[in-house]
Amino acid sequence: MAPEGLRRIMQEIQVADYELHASFRIVANRELESEHISAFMAASIRRDRMMSQVFSYVAEQHKQRACESLNARRNGNGNH
């Protein structure tokens, strides 16, 4: 994933958060109807999937950095 893709996903997560907070207000006001439940569930699932992509990206970056560090140590260059 390119940094541009990560930025796009972060913006989409922010939109999903707004949707979820709106749903929370509806729940708190006890105005929950079936379409609200569907919208809430859809926003939750969409946000979870996007967060999964972000976590995967971060894990891959961590793995790459760890490999680079290990290779640098093996090659006698401890500067990494």
Protein backbone atom coordinates (compact mmCIF):
# COMPACT_ATOMS: atom_id res chain seq x y z
CA MET A 1 0.00 0.00 0.00
CA ALA A 2 1.38 3.39 -0.97
CA PRO A 3 1.29 6.32 1.46
CA GLU A 4 -1.44 7.91 -0.70
CA GLY A 5 -3.58 4.82 -0.24
CA LEU A 6 -2.99 4.93 3.49
CA ARG A 7 -4.06 8.59 3.61
CA ARG A 8 -7.21 7.76 1.66
CA ILE A 9 -8.08 4.94 4.05
CA MET A 10 -7.46 7.20 7.04
CA GLN A 11 -9.91 9.74 5.61
CA GLU A 12 -12.47 7.00 4.99
CA ILE A 13 -12.05 5.79 8.57
CA GLN A 14 -12.72 9.32 9.77
CA VAL A 15 -15.96 9.40 7.75
CA ALA A 16 -16.97 6.01 9.16
CA ASP A 17 -16.25 7.31 12.67
CA TYR A 18 -18.64 10.22 12.10
CA GLU A 19 -21.31 7.75 10.94
CA LEU A 20 -20.75 5.58 13.99
CA HIS A 21 -20.95 8.54 16.36
CA ALA A 22 -24.22 9.60 14.74
CA SER A 23 -25.50 6.06 15.28
CA PHE A 24 -24.40 6.18 18.92
CA ARG A 25 -26.47 9.34 19.43
CA ILE A 26 -29.49 7.59 17.92
CA VAL A 27 -28.97 4.62 20.23
CA ALA A 28 -28.56 6.92 23.24
CA ASN A 29 -31.81 8.71 22.38
CA ARG A 30 -33.59 5.36 22.04
CA GLU A 31 -34.62 6.18 18.49
CA LEU A 32 -33.13 3.02 17.03
CA GLU A 33 -35.01 1.63 14.07
CA SER A 34 -34.16 -1.23 11.75
CA GLU A 35 -32.54 1.01 9.11
CA HIS A 36 -30.40 2.58 11.85
CA ILE A 37 -29.25 -0.87 12.93
CA SER A 38 -28.30 -1.74 9.35
CA ALA A 39 -26.43 1.55 8.89
CA PHE A 40 -24.62 1.09 12.20
CA MET A 41 -23.57 -2.46 11.37
CA ALA A 42 -22.44 -1.49 7.86
CA ALA A 43 -20.37 1.43 9.18
CA SER A 44 -18.82 -0.78 11.87
CA ILE A 45 -17.89 -3.51 9.41
CA ARG A 46 -16.51 -1.03 6.87
CA ARG A 47 -14.40 0.69 9.54
CA ASP A 48 -13.09 -2.64 10.87
CA ARG A 49 -12.03 -3.71 7.38
CA MET A 50 -10.23 -0.44 6.77
CA MET A 51 -8.49 -0.67 10.15
CA SER A 52 -7.42 -4.18 9.23
CA GLN A 53 -5.75 -2.77 6.11
CA VAL A 54 -3.94 -0.17 8.21
CA PHE A 55 -2.79 -2.80 10.72
CA SER A 56 -1.55 -5.01 7.89
CA TYR A 57 0.37 -2.08 6.43
CA VAL A 58 1.96 -1.24 9.79
CA ALA A 59 2.86 -4.90 10.40
CA GLU A 60 4.46 -5.17 6.95
CA GLN A 61 6.47 -1.98 7.56
CA HIS A 62 7.63 -3.34 10.91
CA LYS A 63 8.61 -6.64 9.30
CA GLN A 64 10.57 -4.88 6.56
CA ARG A 65 12.42 -2.69 9.06
CA ALA A 66 13.24 -5.70 11.23
CA CYS A 67 14.61 -7.55 8.20
CA GLU A 68 16.67 -4.52 7.17
CA SER A 69 18.06 -4.23 10.69
CA LEU A 70 18.90 -7.93 10.82
CA ASN A 71 20.59 -7.79 7.42
CA ALA A 72 22.58 -4.73 8.47
CA ARG A 73 23.80 -6.55 11.58
CA ARG A 74 24.74 -9.61 9.55
CA ASN A 75 26.70 -7.42 7.16
CA GLY A 76 28.52 -5.73 10.01
CA ASN A 77 26.78 -2.39 9.61
CA GLY A 78 25.12 -1.67 12.94
CA ASN A 79 23.96 1.78 11.90
CA HIS A 80 20.43 0.62 10.96
